[in-house]
PDB file of N, CA and C in Angstrom:
ATOM      1  N   VAL A   1     -16.739  30.495  22.416  1.00  0.00           N
ATOM      2  CA  VAL A   1     -17.881  29.639  22.697  1.00  0.00           C
ATOM      3  C   VAL A   1     -17.517  28.212  22.293  1.00  0.00           C
ATOM      4  N   PHE A   2     -17.706  27.292  23.193  1.00  0.00           N
ATOM      5  CA  PHE A   2     -17.396  25.886  22.934  1.00  0.00           C
ATOM      6  C   PHE A   2     -18.432  25.301  21.986  1.00  0.00           C
ATOM      7  N   GLN A   3     -17.973  24.711  20.893  1.00  0.00           N
ATOM      8  CA  GLN A   3     -18.860  24.167  19.865  1.00  0.00           C
ATOM      9  C   GLN A   3     -18.949  22.652  19.875  1.00  0.00           C
ATOM     10  N   GLY A   4     -18.185  21.983  20.712  1.00  0.00           N
ATOM     11  CA  GLY A   4     -18.203  20.523  20.736  1.00  0.00           C
ATOM     12  C   GLY A   4     -16.802  19.960  20.728  1.00  0.00           C
ATOM     13  N   ALA A   5     -16.728  18.650  20.667  1.00  0.00           N
ATOM     14  CA  ALA A   5     -15.443  17.962  20.711  1.00  0.00           C
ATOM     15  C   ALA A   5     -14.633  18.211  19.442  1.00  0.00           C
ATOM     16  N   VAL A   6     -13.336  18.283  19.614  1.00  0.00           N
ATOM     17  CA  VAL A   6     -12.415  18.409  18.486  1.00  0.00           C
ATOM     18  C   VAL A   6     -12.018  17.011  18.050  1.00  0.00           C
ATOM     19  N   THR A   7     -12.050  16.777  16.763  1.00  0.00           N
ATOM     20  CA  THR A   7     -11.627  15.490  16.224  1.00  0.00           C
ATOM     21  C   THR A   7     -10.361  15.679  15.408  1.00  0.00           C
ATOM     22  N   PHE A   8      -9.697  14.576  15.133  1.00  0.00           N
ATOM     23  CA  PHE A   8      -8.496  14.640  14.301  1.00  0.00           C
ATOM     24  C   PHE A   8      -8.827  15.228  12.933  1.00  0.00           C
ATOM     25  N   GLU A   9      -9.969  14.865  12.393  1.00  0.00           N
ATOM     26  CA  GLU A   9     -10.368  15.378  11.071  1.00  0.00           C
ATOM     27  C   GLU A   9     -10.539  16.897  11.082  1.00  0.00           C
ATOM     28  N   ASP A  10     -10.841  17.482  12.247  1.00  0.00           N
ATOM     29  CA  ASP A  10     -10.975  18.939  12.344  1.00  0.00           C
ATOM     30  C   ASP A  10      -9.650  19.652  12.113  1.00  0.00           C
ATOM     31  N   VAL A  11      -8.542  19.004  12.441  1.00  0.00           N
ATOM     32  CA  VAL A  11      -7.234  19.653  12.346  1.00  0.00           C
ATOM     33  C   VAL A  11      -6.332  19.031  11.286  1.00  0.00           C
ATOM     34  N   ALA A  12      -6.801  17.989  10.633  1.00  0.00           N
ATOM     35  CA  ALA A  12      -5.981  17.285   9.642  1.00  0.00           C
ATOM     36  C   ALA A  12      -5.875  18.091   8.344  1.00  0.00           C
ATOM     37  N   VAL A  13      -4.733  17.972   7.723  1.00  0.00           N
ATOM     38  CA  VAL A  13      -4.481  18.568   6.397  1.00  0.00           C
ATOM     39  C   VAL A  13      -4.009  17.433   5.508  1.00  0.00           C
ATOM     40  N   TYR A  14      -4.612  17.296   4.350  1.00  0.00           N
ATOM     41  CA  TYR A  14      -4.258  16.215   3.438  1.00  0.00           C
ATOM     42  C   TYR A  14      -3.776  16.784   2.110  1.00  0.00           C
ATOM     43  N   PHE A  15      -2.845  16.079   1.509  1.00  0.00           N
ATOM     44  CA  PHE A  15      -2.348  16.437   0.182  1.00  0.00           C
ATOM     45  C   PHE A  15      -2.811  15.385  -0.817  1.00  0.00           C
ATOM     46  N   SER A  16      -3.093  15.822  -2.025  1.00  0.00           N
ATOM     47  CA  SER A  16      -3.386  14.881  -3.100  1.00  0.00           C
ATOM     48  C   SER A  16      -2.074  14.202  -3.485  1.00  0.00           C
ATOM     49  N   PRO A  17      -2.152  13.048  -4.163  1.00  0.00           N
ATOM     50  CA  PRO A  17      -0.903  12.405  -4.620  1.00  0.00           C
ATOM     51  C   PRO A  17      -0.056  13.343  -5.482  1.00  0.00           C
ATOM     52  N   GLU A  18      -0.710  14.171  -6.283  1.00  0.00           N
ATOM     53  CA  GLU A  18       0.019  15.103  -7.137  1.00  0.00           C
ATOM     54  C   GLU A  18       0.744  16.160  -6.304  1.00  0.00           C
ATOM     55  N   GLU A  19       0.074  16.657  -5.265  1.00  0.00           N
ATOM     56  CA  GLU A  19       0.703  17.643  -4.389  1.00  0.00           C
ATOM     57  C   GLU A  19       1.842  17.016  -3.584  1.00  0.00           C
ATOM     58  N   TRP A  20       1.617  15.777  -3.113  1.00  0.00           N
ATOM     59  CA  TRP A  20       2.596  15.090  -2.269  1.00  0.00           C
ATOM     60  C   TRP A  20       3.948  14.948  -2.989  1.00  0.00           C
ATOM     61  N   VAL A  21       3.907  14.566  -4.271  1.00  0.00           N
ATOM     62  CA  VAL A  21       5.168  14.372  -5.000  1.00  0.00           C
ATOM     63  C   VAL A  21       5.909  15.689  -5.241  1.00  0.00           C
ATOM     64  N   GLU A  22       5.216  16.796  -5.164  1.00  0.00           N
ATOM     65  CA  GLU A  22       5.846  18.102  -5.348  1.00  0.00           C
ATOM     66  C   GLU A  22       6.557  18.588  -4.085  1.00  0.00           C
ATOM     67  N   LEU A  23       6.282  17.980  -2.938  1.00  0.00           N
ATOM     68  CA  LEU A  23       6.917  18.398  -1.698  1.00  0.00           C
ATOM     69  C   LEU A  23       8.347  17.877  -1.631  1.00  0.00           C
ATOM     70  N   ALA A  24       9.219  18.680  -1.065  1.00  0.00           N
ATOM     71  CA  ALA A  24      10.598  18.244  -0.816  1.00  0.00           C
ATOM     72  C   ALA A  24      10.572  17.242   0.335  1.00  0.00           C
ATOM     73  N   ALA A  25      11.616  16.452   0.447  1.00  0.00           N
ATOM     74  CA  ALA A  25      11.687  15.432   1.504  1.00  0.00           C
ATOM     75  C   ALA A  25      11.521  16.060   2.886  1.00  0.00           C
ATOM     76  N   TRP A  26      12.139  17.211   3.121  1.00  0.00           N
ATOM     77  CA  TRP A  26      12.030  17.844   4.438  1.00  0.00           C
ATOM     78  C   TRP A  26      10.599  18.298   4.711  1.00  0.00           C
ATOM     79  N   GLN A  27       9.875  18.681   3.668  1.00  0.00           N
ATOM     80  CA  GLN A  27       8.485  19.107   3.841  1.00  0.00           C
ATOM     81  C   GLN A  27       7.604  17.914   4.200  1.00  0.00           C
ATOM     82  N   ARG A  28       7.850  16.761   3.575  1.00  0.00           N
ATOM     83  CA  ARG A  28       7.093  15.552   3.905  1.00  0.00           C
ATOM     84  C   ARG A  28       7.362  15.117   5.341  1.00  0.00           C
ATOM     85  N   GLU A  29       8.634  15.189   5.743  1.00  0.00           N
ATOM     86  CA  GLU A  29       8.982  14.826   7.118  1.00  0.00           C
ATOM     87  C   GLU A  29       8.329  15.770   8.125  1.00  0.00           C
ATOM     88  N   LEU A  30       8.360  17.067   7.818  1.00  0.00           N
ATOM     89  CA  LEU A  30       7.723  18.054   8.689  1.00  0.00           C
ATOM     90  C   LEU A  30       6.225  17.798   8.775  1.00  0.00           C
ATOM     91  N   TYR A  31       5.607  17.532   7.639  1.00  0.00           N
ATOM     92  CA  TYR A  31       4.174  17.235   7.605  1.00  0.00           C
ATOM     93  C   TYR A  31       3.847  16.047   8.517  1.00  0.00           C
ATOM     94  N   GLN A  32       4.605  14.967   8.386  1.00  0.00           N
ATOM     95  CA  GLN A  32       4.344  13.779   9.189  1.00  0.00           C
ATOM     96  C   GLN A  32       4.523  14.073  10.672  1.00  0.00           C
ATOM     97  N   GLU A  33       5.549  14.849  11.014  1.00  0.00           N
ATOM     98  CA  GLU A  33       5.784  15.206  12.415  1.00  0.00           C
ATOM     99  C   GLU A  33       4.633  16.052  12.969  1.00  0.00           C
ATOM    100  N   VAL A  34       4.209  17.043  12.198  1.00  0.00           N
ATOM    101  CA  VAL A  34       3.119  17.913  12.637  1.00  0.00           C
ATOM    102  C   VAL A  34       1.816  17.128  12.771  1.00  0.00           C
ATOM    103  N   MET A  35       1.543  16.247  11.816  1.00  0.00           N
ATOM    104  CA  MET A  35       0.323  15.445  11.891  1.00  0.00           C
ATOM    105  C   MET A  35       0.341  14.527  13.113  1.00  0.00           C
ATOM    106  N   MET A  36       1.482  13.941  13.425  1.00  0.00           N
ATOM    107  CA  MET A  36       1.591  13.108  14.620  1.00  0.00           C
ATOM    108  C   MET A  36       1.380  13.943  15.885  1.00  0.00           C
ATOM    109  N   ASP A  37       1.972  15.129  15.920  1.00  0.00           N
ATOM    110  CA  ASP A  37       1.777  16.017  17.072  1.00  0.00           C
ATOM    111  C   ASP A  37       0.310  16.407  17.218  1.00  0.00           C
ATOM    112  N   ASN A  38      -0.336  16.744  16.095  1.00  0.00           N
ATOM    113  CA  ASN A  38      -1.758  17.089  16.134  1.00  0.00           C
ATOM    114  C   ASN A  38      -2.583  15.923  16.659  1.00  0.00           C
ATOM    115  N   TYR A  39      -2.264  14.722  16.171  1.00  0.00           N
ATOM    116  CA  TYR A  39      -3.003  13.551  16.617  1.00  0.00           C
ATOM    117  C   TYR A  39      -2.817  13.334  18.113  1.00  0.00           C
ATOM    118  N   ASP A  40      -1.584  13.434  18.584  1.00  0.00           N
ATOM    119  CA  ASP A  40      -1.319  13.260  20.007  1.00  0.00           C
ATOM    120  C   ASP A  40      -2.091  14.272  20.845  1.00  0.00           C
ATOM    121  N   LEU A  41      -2.123  15.514  20.381  1.00  0.00           N
ATOM    122  CA  LEU A  41      -2.844  16.553  21.120  1.00  0.00           C
ATOM    123  C   LEU A  41      -4.351  16.292  21.147  1.00  0.00           C
ATOM    124  N   VAL A  42      -4.911  15.917  20.012  1.00  0.00           N
ATOM    125  CA  VAL A  42      -6.345  15.629  19.963  1.00  0.00           C
ATOM    126  C   VAL A  42      -6.661  14.406  20.823  1.00  0.00           C
ATOM    127  N   ALA A  43      -5.816  13.385  20.742  1.00  0.00           N
ATOM    128  CA  ALA A  43      -6.041  12.181  21.538  1.00  0.00           C
ATOM    129  C   ALA A  43      -5.957  12.490  23.028  1.00  0.00           C
ATOM    130  N   SER A  44      -5.107  13.437  23.416  1.00  0.00           N
ATOM    131  CA  SER A  44      -4.979  13.783  24.826  1.00  0.00           C
ATOM    132  C   SER A  44      -6.237  14.470  25.355  1.00  0.00           C
ATOM    133  N   LEU A  45      -7.048  14.999  24.456  1.00  0.00           N
ATOM    134  CA  LEU A  45      -8.292  15.639  24.868  1.00  0.00           C
ATOM    135  C   LEU A  45      -9.382  14.629  25.226  1.00  0.00           C
ATOM    136  N   GLU A  46      -9.211  13.416  24.761  1.00  0.00           N
ATOM    137  CA  GLU A  46     -10.191  12.368  25.029  1.00  0.00           C
ATOM    138  C   GLU A  46      -9.908  11.753  26.391  1.00  0.00           C
ATOM    139  N   ARG A  47     -10.648  12.150  27.378  1.00  0.00           N
ATOM    140  CA  ARG A  47     -10.432  11.637  28.735  1.00  0.00           C
ATOM    141  C   ARG A  47     -10.939  10.212  28.846  1.00  0.00           C
ATOM    142  N   GLY A  48     -10.089   9.368  29.448  1.00  0.00           N
ATOM    143  CA  GLY A  48     -10.490   8.001  29.716  1.00  0.00           C
ATOM    144  C   GLY A  48     -10.458   7.076  28.521  1.00  0.00           C
ATOM    145  N   CYS A  49     -10.010   7.570  27.377  1.00  0.00           N
ATOM    146  CA  CYS A  49      -9.947   6.738  26.173  1.00  0.00           C
ATOM    147  C   CYS A  49      -8.488   6.560  25.791  1.00  0.00           C
ATOM    148  N   SER A  50      -8.127   5.352  25.412  1.00  0.00           N
ATOM    149  CA  SER A  50      -6.775   5.148  24.918  1.00  0.00           C
ATOM    150  C   SER A  50      -6.755   5.440  23.429  1.00  0.00           C
ATOM    151  N   ALA A  51      -5.698   6.099  22.987  1.00  0.00           N
ATOM    152  CA  ALA A  51      -5.591   6.490  21.584  1.00  0.00           C
ATOM    153  C   ALA A  51      -5.105   5.334  20.742  1.00  0.00           C
ATOM    154  N   PRO A  52      -5.682   5.137  19.561  1.00  0.00           N
ATOM    155  CA  PRO A  52      -5.178   4.108  18.656  1.00  0.00           C
ATOM    156  C   PRO A  52      -3.762   4.439  18.199  1.00  0.00           C
ATOM    157  N   ALA A  53      -3.020   3.430  17.811  1.00  0.00           N
ATOM    158  CA  ALA A  53      -1.623   3.616  17.427  1.00  0.00           C
ATOM    159  C   ALA A  53      -1.473   4.324  16.093  1.00  0.00           C
ATOM    160  N   ALA A  54      -2.420   4.180  15.192  1.00  0.00           N
ATOM    161  CA  ALA A  54      -2.284   4.741  13.848  1.00  0.00           C
ATOM    162  C   ALA A  54      -3.143   5.984  13.690  1.00  0.00           C
ATOM    163  N   LEU A  55      -2.783   6.793  12.716  1.00  0.00           N
ATOM    164  CA  LEU A  55      -3.579   7.956  12.379  1.00  0.00           C
ATOM    165  C   LEU A  55      -4.670   7.533  11.412  1.00  0.00           C
ATOM    166  N   PRO A  56      -5.928   7.627  11.810  1.00  0.00           N
ATOM    167  CA  PRO A  56      -6.986   7.182  10.902  1.00  0.00           C
ATOM    168  C   PRO A  56      -7.004   8.001   9.622  1.00  0.00           C
ATOM    169  N   GLY A  57      -6.959   7.322   8.521  1.00  0.00           N
ATOM    170  CA  GLY A  57      -7.057   7.988   7.235  1.00  0.00           C
ATOM    171  C   GLY A  57      -5.752   8.544   6.686  1.00  0.00           C
ATOM    172  N   LEU A  58      -4.734   8.702   7.523  1.00  0.00           N
ATOM    173  CA  LEU A  58      -3.510   9.325   7.053  1.00  0.00           C
ATOM    174  C   LEU A  58      -2.785   8.444   6.036  1.00  0.00           C
ATOM    175  N   ALA A  59      -2.612   7.199   6.354  1.00  0.00           N
ATOM    176  CA  ALA A  59      -1.874   6.305   5.454  1.00  0.00           C
ATOM    177  C   ALA A  59      -2.576   6.149   4.118  1.00  0.00           C
ATOM    178  N   GLU A  60      -3.890   6.174   4.131  1.00  0.00           N
ATOM    179  CA  GLU A  60      -4.633   6.001   2.885  1.00  0.00           C
ATOM    180  C   GLU A  60      -4.606   7.251   2.027  1.00  0.00           C
ATOM    181  N   SER A  61      -4.397   8.433   2.656  1.00  0.00           N
ATOM    182  CA  SER A  61      -4.531   9.674   1.901  1.00  0.00           C
ATOM    183  C   SER A  61      -3.214  10.237   1.401  1.00  0.00           C
ATOM    184  N   VAL A  62      -2.098   9.774   1.953  1.00  0.00           N
ATOM    185  CA  VAL A  62      -0.820  10.340   1.580  1.00  0.00           C
ATOM    186  C   VAL A  62       0.132   9.244   1.135  1.00  0.00           C
ATOM    187  N   PRO A  63       0.577   9.301  -0.089  1.00  0.00           N
ATOM    188  CA  PRO A  63       1.514   8.288  -0.577  1.00  0.00           C
ATOM    189  C   PRO A  63       2.788   8.317   0.247  1.00  0.00           C
ATOM    190  N   GLY A  64       3.321   7.157   0.527  1.00  0.00           N
ATOM    191  CA  GLY A  64       4.577   7.066   1.228  1.00  0.00           C
ATOM    192  C   GLY A  64       4.493   7.124   2.731  1.00  0.00           C
ATOM    193  N   VAL A  65       3.295   7.227   3.277  1.00  0.00           N
ATOM    194  CA  VAL A  65       3.137   7.267   4.735  1.00  0.00           C
ATOM    195  C   VAL A  65       2.837   5.889   5.217  1.00  0.00           C
TER     196      VAL A  65
END
């Protein structure tokens, strides 16, 4: 059953600064790649709208992004 539009926040996963520093470099890179892919997919669902270049909230929530 369709419940409404999907937003980036519906599929986003965030780490606390404490969790972020515990991740290995490859895990941080994978996270960033997956988040970008998720954003691209969600943005592609928005017909007739151009997607912003940045991930809203991502840079503020994850150190080093």
